[in-house]
Structure formats: C-alpha cells, structure tokens
Amino acid sequence: MNLRLLLEYALCLALFATAGCRPKPKSEIVGEPPVNQPLASPVPSPVHESSLSPSVAKAPEKKPEQTPSLDLSRLERSVRPSVIWVTVFDRSGKLLRTQTGFFISGDGRFVTTAEAIGDGINAVAKTADGGIHNVSGILAVSTPLNLAILQADVKRASSLTVNKNANLRAGTPAGVIGSGLAGNEGAPRQATISTLEPDRLGIAAAISSNSIGSPVVDANGQLVGVIVSAGEKATVRPASTLDSLLSQIASDAKARWPQTAEATPSPRPTPTPKPHLVYAPAPAFPREAFSRRPGAFGSGRFRLNFDSKGNVTNVQMIQSTGNQLLDEAAINTLRQWKSAPGQEWVATVPVTFQTR
C-alpha cells in the first residue's frame, strides 16, 4: 500500500516537472511587449550643461546699448521761445511759403533756409507767445548750404547758444524743437546722430516738412545743427557752418530784400535846372506921369527874390528911375513876374521908361 502511494507521488512530480519546463509564449515574457504592439522609444539620459565641452557651450547674447532719453519737456521750455514761424510774401502780398526759423542773437537775427526766402519781398516772424515782427531783410545767404540769416524788427529776442565745442559722435541723442505754431509736427522729438561729416549731420528720425528750419539741440539745449531737408534721411547742417555766414556780415550791415533793391533803385541826383522866367510883362508907362510931364524918361535897376515855387517874394530898388511914379509902376509890375519852380534865386532887372 505504501509502495503504491510512493509510485503515484513520484509520477506526479515527474509530470509537474515536465509541465514546468515548457517554453512560455512571448506574450507572457516579463518585461517584453506583446507581438502586435510597437516597441517603446528609449528614454534618453539627462545631460547636464556642466558635462558639455567649453567649445560647444553657447555664449550669452549681448544686449544692444540703449540711447539715453532726453528731457524733452525741459528742452521745450528752454528752446521754444527762440523758435519762430517765418511767413514770406511776394511783391503783390501773396503768401509764398511758411517755414520754421530760430533767433541766434538778442537783436533779432535769425536763421532759416535759403529756399524759404526765395523770390520773397517781405516777411514776418511769429513767436510762440503770439508776437508778430516785421522782417526788414536778408543779412547773408548760402544756396549750397541752404541757409540764410535775416533780421527781424524786435527790441529783444530770446536766442539760442551755439555749441561750438560739441563733442558729437554717432549715437549721440539730440532734440528737434519745432515751432509751436506748426501744430503736432512742431512738437519736440528725440533723434539720434547717425553720421558726421564736415557740412552734414545725419539723424535717425523721420522729419516732416514743417520741421525744416528747426534747430537741433543737445541735452543742454545748445544748438548743434539746423534741419534743411525732410524725410527718412533728413539733412542737418552742423552749427559750425553758420560761422561762414556770420563772417560775411559787416558790423554796419543793413538788412535788405534783393528784389526790393532791384525794383526801386537808389535815385540818381537829378541836375538842377537853371532858373528862368516864365512870365515877365514889361512895366507900362503910367498915364499920370505922362500927363504931368510929356517926354518923361527914366531908367532904373531892381532886384527880385524868387521862392522855390517861382513867386516873387521881394522887390528891392537898387537904382531909381528918377521918377517916383515910374519907380512905383516898375515895382508893381515886377511883383507879378513868375519863374520856373525848383529853387530859390535872385535876379537883377533893369527897367527903362521912354515915351515916343
């Protein structure tokens, strides 16, 4: 009985061992996906920047330098009183053009462009505070530079100081201060000096046509340039170019409009015409003298004074005729004489009375 149980037990162990040694299907292998499923992508190991080679590491990007901002409000308060609105007229009084300008001296000298005054015969300068001043004429002009210096009839003007020692370089901030009468286009704006040449400054800013003639100032409100053309690439004349114009102005120079000088040339002295008589009746022999003394005879000399209108102002007897009636007749007639107007003069007239 016991032997039988042992055999059955041994047989079960053999069957159990045989079943346990069979290969399992792949779908049952631990850690592998089923046959019909795709393989998962391998997960990369994290790489730390410290493990990169120095030649591969990226250098930090350098931020561009920012142009410092100007205090435009302060510049407007200090510069705007010197900026004017110049209105130019032709001979008939018709408006030709209006442009910005600015005073450079307290006695009324101001700067604008040569184009602004072309064909002009008269102009007025208007200040931001409402003042209107007559422009007496031009003091100096340069067509190549497109600059002009004129004179306004003003007792005292607020003027800009020229920065003759301007240490300008590309990237220097500058302010453009237009006229307050030009509306929004005259509002102060910041620009940047982009290029520097002996007779030209380039600025990185869009300039409107109403800003032509406006001053370009530094952070302290001193003049460094004058705008002479508009657009994306506006032209600015350096303040130093004004020296060549100012040197042309003599100390006793008088401003004038060339067109006026041509239209009304200085009068040449006209030769004074020689005085001559235009009405000189001969004295008549008085009847009373003839009746009293038939055959009476007399000869005298009289001095006549003529005024500029040709009238006799005085008759003076130099030599009597010897007869009072004849003298009186001569004087009364000579008072009626007339000469051509023009000047005062004196004439000596001989008078002779004789009866036939």
Protein backbone atom coordinates (compact mmCIF):
# COMPACT_ATOMS: atom_id res chain seq x y z
CA MET A 1 0.00 0.00 0.00
CA ASN A 2 2.73 2.38 0.87
CA LEU A 3 4.69 1.44 -2.20
CA ARG A 4 1.75 2.28 -4.40
CA LEU A 5 1.41 5.72 -2.89
CA LEU A 6 5.08 6.38 -3.38
CA LEU A 7 4.87 5.47 -7.05
CA GLU A 8 1.91 7.74 -7.60
CA TYR A 9 3.70 10.57 -5.82
CA ALA A 10 6.81 10.07 -7.96
CA LEU A 11 4.70 10.09 -11.13
CA CYS A 12 3.06 13.36 -10.15
CA LEU A 13 6.41 15.02 -9.56
CA ALA A 14 7.61 13.85 -12.97
CA LEU A 15 4.55 15.27 -14.72
CA PHE A 16 4.82 18.50 -12.79
CA ALA A 17 8.46 18.96 -13.72
CA THR A 18 7.75 18.26 -17.38
CA ALA A 19 4.97 20.86 -17.49
CA GLY A 20 7.15 23.48 -15.79
CA CYS A 21 9.98 23.16 -18.30
CA ARG A 22 7.87 24.02 -21.41
CA PRO A 23 8.78 27.39 -23.09
CA LYS A 24 6.31 30.16 -22.36
CA PRO A 25 4.74 32.23 -25.13
CA LYS A 26 6.44 35.57 -25.81
CA SER A 27 3.35 37.38 -24.70
CA GLU A 28 3.94 36.06 -21.27
CA ILE A 29 7.62 37.01 -21.03
CA VAL A 30 8.06 39.54 -18.30
CA GLY A 31 9.28 42.97 -19.47
CA GLU A 32 8.53 42.49 -23.22
CA PRO A 33 5.52 43.89 -25.08
CA PRO A 34 3.10 41.71 -26.96
CA VAL A 35 3.99 40.74 -30.50
CA ASN A 36 1.45 43.11 -32.13
CA GLN A 37 2.48 46.19 -30.08
CA PRO A 38 5.34 48.57 -31.13
CA LEU A 39 8.45 48.90 -29.06
CA ALA A 40 8.62 51.89 -26.75
CA SER A 41 11.20 54.61 -27.55
CA PRO A 42 14.15 54.53 -25.24
CA VAL A 43 14.23 57.29 -22.64
CA PRO A 44 17.43 59.40 -23.06
CA SER A 45 19.51 60.08 -20.04
CA PRO A 46 19.54 63.72 -18.94
CA VAL A 47 22.66 65.63 -19.98
CA HIS A 48 23.88 68.36 -17.66
CA GLU A 49 25.35 71.62 -19.12
CA SER A 50 28.36 71.10 -16.96
CA SER A 51 29.19 67.97 -18.92
CA LEU A 52 29.35 69.88 -22.28
CA SER A 53 32.67 70.79 -23.80
CA PRO A 54 33.53 74.54 -23.47
CA SER A 55 33.76 74.83 -27.28
CA VAL A 56 30.16 73.68 -27.63
CA ALA A 57 28.59 75.84 -24.91
CA LYS A 58 26.65 78.95 -26.16
CA ALA A 59 27.94 82.38 -25.17
CA PRO A 60 25.37 84.74 -23.57
CA GLU A 61 23.79 87.19 -26.04
CA LYS A 62 24.96 90.84 -25.73
CA LYS A 63 22.09 93.28 -25.43
CA PRO A 64 22.32 96.38 -27.68
CA GLU A 65 23.10 99.65 -25.92
CA GLN A 66 20.06 101.89 -25.48
CA THR A 67 20.25 105.60 -26.35
CA PRO A 68 19.65 107.65 -23.22
CA SER A 69 16.37 109.55 -23.22
CA LEU A 70 16.31 113.35 -23.30
CA ASP A 71 14.17 115.51 -21.08
CA LEU A 72 12.04 116.86 -23.94
CA SER A 73 9.80 118.87 -21.62
CA ARG A 74 12.77 120.77 -20.26
CA LEU A 75 14.19 121.32 -23.74
CA GLU A 76 10.86 122.61 -24.97
CA ARG A 77 10.67 125.17 -22.16
CA SER A 78 14.21 126.43 -22.76
CA VAL A 79 14.37 126.30 -26.58
CA ARG A 80 10.82 127.00 -27.77
CA PRO A 81 10.89 130.80 -27.01
CA SER A 82 13.72 131.13 -29.57
CA VAL A 83 11.88 129.24 -32.35
CA ILE A 84 9.80 131.29 -34.80
CA TRP A 85 7.35 130.76 -37.66
CA VAL A 86 8.52 132.72 -40.73
CA THR A 87 5.91 133.75 -43.32
CA VAL A 88 7.23 135.05 -46.66
CA PHE A 89 5.25 137.13 -49.22
CA ASP A 90 5.80 138.17 -52.83
CA ARG A 91 5.57 141.65 -54.35
CA SER A 92 1.77 141.55 -54.57
CA GLY A 93 1.40 140.48 -50.94
CA LYS A 94 0.58 136.86 -51.81
CA LEU A 95 1.79 134.20 -49.38
CA LEU A 96 4.71 132.27 -50.85
CA ARG A 97 5.63 129.87 -48.05
CA THR A 98 5.91 129.43 -44.30
CA GLN A 99 8.85 127.81 -42.57
CA THR A 100 10.45 127.40 -39.17
CA GLY A 101 13.41 129.51 -38.01
CA PHE A 102 15.10 130.49 -34.76
CA PHE A 103 16.85 133.52 -33.24
CA ILE A 104 20.62 133.36 -32.81
CA SER A 105 21.10 136.82 -31.29
CA GLY A 106 19.18 139.04 -28.96
CA ASP A 107 18.96 141.87 -31.52
CA GLY A 108 16.68 139.88 -33.82
CA ARG A 109 18.99 137.98 -36.15
CA PHE A 110 17.52 134.61 -37.04
CA VAL A 111 18.27 131.52 -39.14
CA THR A 112 16.07 129.77 -41.71
CA THR A 113 16.67 128.10 -45.07
CA ALA A 114 17.62 129.85 -48.32
CA GLU A 115 14.68 128.12 -50.02
CA ALA A 116 12.25 129.78 -47.63
CA ILE A 117 13.11 133.32 -48.73
CA GLY A 118 13.46 132.64 -52.46
CA ASP A 119 11.58 135.29 -54.52
CA GLY A 120 10.44 136.92 -51.28
CA ILE A 121 9.90 140.63 -50.98
CA ASN A 122 8.64 140.80 -47.40
CA ALA A 123 8.19 138.55 -44.38
CA VAL A 124 7.01 138.45 -40.79
CA ALA A 125 8.31 136.38 -37.89
CA LYS A 126 5.80 134.97 -35.40
CA THR A 127 6.86 133.84 -31.94
CA ALA A 128 5.17 131.19 -29.82
CA ASP A 129 3.77 133.82 -27.45
CA GLY A 130 1.78 135.45 -30.28
CA GLY A 131 4.23 138.23 -31.17
CA ILE A 132 4.44 139.28 -34.84
CA HIS A 133 7.57 141.09 -36.00
CA ASN A 134 8.40 142.55 -39.40
CA VAL A 135 11.46 141.12 -41.17
CA SER A 136 13.49 144.02 -42.53
CA GLY A 137 15.58 141.88 -44.88
CA ILE A 138 18.43 139.44 -45.51
CA LEU A 139 21.90 139.73 -43.98
CA ALA A 140 23.59 136.68 -45.53
CA VAL A 141 22.56 133.67 -47.61
CA SER A 142 24.23 130.48 -48.89
CA THR A 143 22.45 128.50 -51.59
CA PRO A 144 24.82 125.47 -51.40
CA LEU A 145 24.25 125.16 -47.65
CA ASN A 146 20.57 126.15 -47.99
CA LEU A 147 20.93 128.55 -45.07
CA ALA A 148 20.09 132.23 -44.59
CA ILE A 149 20.41 134.80 -41.82
CA LEU A 150 17.78 137.54 -41.67
CA GLN A 151 16.94 140.49 -39.42
CA ALA A 152 13.64 140.89 -37.58
CA ASP A 153 12.48 144.19 -36.13
CA VAL A 154 12.40 143.19 -32.48
CA LYS A 155 13.82 145.03 -29.48
CA ARG A 156 14.85 141.92 -27.59
CA ALA A 157 14.70 138.28 -28.65
CA SER A 158 15.31 135.02 -26.82
CA SER A 159 18.16 133.36 -28.73
CA LEU A 160 19.95 130.00 -28.83
CA THR A 161 23.54 129.46 -27.83
CA VAL A 162 25.70 127.72 -30.42
CA ASN A 163 27.63 124.76 -29.07
CA LYS A 164 30.93 125.39 -30.86
CA ASN A 165 32.70 122.69 -28.85
CA ALA A 166 30.17 119.97 -29.49
CA ASN A 167 31.76 116.57 -28.94
CA LEU A 168 29.36 114.76 -31.23
CA ARG A 169 29.63 111.14 -32.24
CA ALA A 170 27.38 108.57 -33.84
CA GLY A 171 24.71 107.55 -31.38
CA THR A 172 24.56 110.89 -29.57
CA PRO A 173 20.94 111.81 -28.69
CA ALA A 174 19.62 115.13 -29.91
CA GLY A 175 16.35 117.04 -29.75
CA VAL A 176 14.41 118.60 -32.65
CA ILE A 177 12.34 121.55 -31.41
CA GLY A 178 9.85 122.91 -33.95
CA SER A 179 7.57 125.92 -33.81
CA GLY A 180 4.54 125.76 -31.58
CA LEU A 181 2.57 127.26 -34.48
CA ALA A 182 3.25 124.19 -36.66
CA GLY A 183 0.78 122.00 -34.74
CA ASN A 184 1.70 118.43 -33.90
CA GLU A 185 4.54 118.45 -36.44
CA GLY A 186 6.28 121.10 -34.37
CA ALA A 187 6.20 119.03 -31.19
CA PRO A 188 9.65 118.29 -29.71
CA ARG A 189 11.04 114.89 -30.58
CA GLN A 190 14.16 112.91 -29.88
CA ALA A 191 16.55 111.90 -32.66
CA THR A 192 19.93 110.20 -32.81
CA ILE A 193 23.01 111.47 -34.62
CA SER A 194 23.78 108.72 -37.14
CA THR A 195 26.55 110.17 -39.34
CA LEU A 196 29.01 113.06 -39.03
CA GLU A 197 30.51 114.96 -41.97
CA PRO A 198 32.10 118.43 -42.15
CA ASP A 199 28.97 120.03 -43.66
CA ARG A 200 26.32 117.45 -42.85
CA LEU A 201 24.89 115.55 -39.92
CA GLY A 202 22.69 112.52 -40.43
CA ILE A 203 19.94 111.85 -37.92
CA ALA A 204 17.95 108.68 -37.39
CA ALA A 205 14.43 110.10 -37.33
CA ALA A 206 11.63 110.86 -39.78
CA ILE A 207 11.42 114.64 -40.25
CA SER A 208 8.29 116.36 -41.57
CA SER A 209 8.37 119.29 -43.99
CA ASN A 210 7.10 121.66 -41.28
CA SER A 211 10.23 120.88 -39.26
CA ILE A 212 12.58 122.24 -41.94
CA GLY A 213 14.46 125.19 -40.46
CA SER A 214 14.10 123.85 -36.92
CA PRO A 215 17.07 123.77 -34.55
CA VAL A 216 18.69 120.52 -33.44
CA VAL A 217 19.95 120.83 -29.87
CA ASP A 218 21.94 118.75 -27.43
CA ALA A 219 20.85 117.62 -23.99
CA ASN A 220 21.67 121.09 -22.60
CA GLY A 221 19.57 122.94 -25.19
CA GLN A 222 22.57 124.28 -27.14
CA LEU A 223 22.45 124.42 -30.94
CA VAL A 224 24.28 121.63 -32.78
CA GLY A 225 22.54 121.73 -36.16
CA VAL A 226 19.83 123.10 -38.48
CA ILE A 227 17.39 120.89 -40.41
CA VAL A 228 17.43 121.80 -44.12
CA SER A 229 15.60 118.82 -45.67
CA ALA A 230 12.87 116.44 -44.56
CA GLY A 231 12.14 112.72 -44.93
CA GLU A 232 13.56 109.50 -43.56
CA LYS A 233 17.09 110.69 -44.41
CA ALA A 234 16.86 114.33 -43.38
CA THR A 235 19.83 116.63 -43.84
CA VAL A 236 21.14 118.64 -40.92
CA ARG A 237 23.77 121.37 -41.29
CA PRO A 238 26.19 121.47 -38.35
CA ALA A 239 26.03 124.63 -36.27
CA SER A 240 29.64 125.32 -37.22
CA THR A 241 28.55 126.09 -40.82
CA LEU A 242 26.80 129.22 -39.54
CA ASP A 243 30.23 130.76 -38.86
CA SER A 244 30.88 131.18 -42.58
CA LEU A 245 27.63 133.11 -42.96
CA LEU A 246 28.12 135.26 -39.89
CA SER A 247 31.60 136.21 -41.07
CA GLN A 248 30.07 137.72 -44.24
CA ILE A 249 28.04 140.24 -42.25
CA ALA A 250 29.79 143.56 -41.76
CA SER A 251 29.41 145.36 -38.45
CA ASP A 252 27.43 148.15 -40.12
CA ALA A 253 25.49 145.88 -42.48
CA LYS A 254 21.84 146.74 -43.13
CA ALA A 255 19.34 144.01 -43.91
CA ARG A 256 17.58 144.32 -47.24
CA TRP A 257 15.47 142.36 -49.69
CA PRO A 258 17.30 141.98 -53.04
CA GLN A 259 14.07 142.12 -55.03
CA THR A 260 13.22 145.45 -53.41
CA ALA A 261 16.62 146.88 -54.26
CA GLU A 262 16.18 145.87 -57.91
CA ALA A 263 12.63 147.18 -58.13
CA THR A 264 13.39 150.55 -56.53
CA PRO A 265 16.97 151.50 -57.38
CA SER A 266 18.55 154.33 -55.50
CA PRO A 267 17.62 157.61 -57.21
CA ARG A 268 20.44 159.31 -59.01
CA PRO A 269 20.90 163.02 -58.37
CA THR A 270 18.96 164.96 -60.97
CA PRO A 271 20.71 168.05 -62.37
CA THR A 272 19.00 171.16 -61.06
CA PRO A 273 17.52 173.11 -63.97
CA LYS A 274 18.73 176.66 -64.40
CA PRO A 275 16.18 179.18 -63.16
CA HIS A 276 14.34 181.01 -65.88
CA LEU A 277 11.39 183.33 -66.17
CA VAL A 278 8.08 182.02 -67.39
CA TYR A 279 6.07 185.27 -67.04
CA ALA A 280 7.76 188.71 -67.31
CA PRO A 281 5.49 191.54 -68.51
CA ALA A 282 7.21 194.89 -69.19
CA PRO A 283 6.22 197.72 -66.85
CA ALA A 284 3.77 200.10 -68.58
CA PHE A 285 4.37 203.80 -68.67
CA PRO A 286 1.99 205.33 -66.13
CA ARG A 287 -0.53 207.74 -67.72
CA GLU A 288 -0.35 210.06 -64.77
CA ALA A 289 3.40 210.53 -65.20
CA PHE A 290 2.96 211.20 -68.93
CA SER A 291 0.26 213.79 -68.39
CA ARG A 292 2.29 215.70 -65.93
CA ARG A 293 5.49 215.65 -67.91
CA PRO A 294 5.34 214.78 -71.58
CA GLY A 295 8.53 213.22 -72.88
CA ALA A 296 9.44 211.87 -69.46
CA PHE A 297 12.23 209.38 -69.42
CA GLY A 298 13.66 207.15 -66.75
CA SER A 299 15.83 204.05 -66.25
CA GLY A 300 16.35 202.08 -63.05
CA ARG A 301 17.55 198.74 -61.61
CA PHE A 302 15.59 196.38 -59.35
CA ARG A 303 16.45 193.17 -57.50
CA LEU A 304 13.82 190.37 -57.43
CA ASN A 305 13.76 187.44 -54.98
CA PHE A 306 12.00 184.25 -56.17
CA ASP A 307 10.96 181.33 -53.92
CA SER A 308 11.07 177.61 -54.89
CA LYS A 309 7.56 177.86 -56.32
CA GLY A 310 8.58 180.62 -58.70
CA ASN A 311 6.82 183.52 -56.95
CA VAL A 312 8.39 186.94 -56.29
CA THR A 313 8.78 187.42 -52.58
CA ASN A 314 10.53 190.79 -52.61
CA VAL A 315 11.41 193.65 -54.99
CA GLN A 316 14.23 195.93 -53.98
CA MET A 317 15.07 199.13 -55.85
CA ILE A 318 18.82 199.33 -56.49
CA GLN A 319 18.75 202.37 -58.75
CA SER A 320 15.81 204.76 -59.08
CA THR A 321 14.46 205.91 -62.41
CA GLY A 322 14.44 209.42 -61.02
CA ASN A 323 10.68 209.48 -61.02
CA GLN A 324 8.63 208.21 -58.12
CA LEU A 325 5.66 207.36 -60.35
CA LEU A 326 7.92 205.36 -62.65
CA ASP A 327 9.56 203.55 -59.72
CA GLU A 328 6.17 202.55 -58.28
CA ALA A 329 4.95 201.38 -61.70
CA ALA A 330 8.07 199.25 -62.13
CA ILE A 331 7.79 197.67 -58.67
CA ASN A 332 4.08 196.87 -59.07
CA THR A 333 4.70 195.12 -62.40
CA LEU A 334 7.79 193.24 -61.26
CA ARG A 335 5.84 191.71 -58.35
CA GLN A 336 3.77 189.82 -60.93
CA TRP A 337 6.71 188.07 -62.54
CA LYS A 338 6.98 184.24 -62.36
CA SER A 339 9.88 181.82 -62.69
CA ALA A 340 10.02 178.05 -63.19
CA PRO A 341 9.67 176.25 -59.84
CA GLY A 342 12.66 174.37 -58.49
CA GLN A 343 14.81 176.55 -56.32
CA GLU A 344 15.08 179.95 -54.73
CA TRP A 345 17.05 182.54 -56.67
CA VAL A 346 17.67 186.26 -57.15
CA ALA A 347 17.57 188.28 -60.35
CA THR A 348 18.56 191.90 -61.07
CA VAL A 349 16.33 193.55 -63.68
CA PRO A 350 16.96 196.83 -65.49
CA VAL A 351 13.81 198.85 -66.32
CA THR A 352 13.63 201.74 -68.77
CA PHE A 353 10.67 204.05 -69.37
CA GLN A 354 10.54 206.11 -72.54
CA THR A 355 7.78 207.89 -74.40
CA ARG A 356 7.63 208.40 -78.10
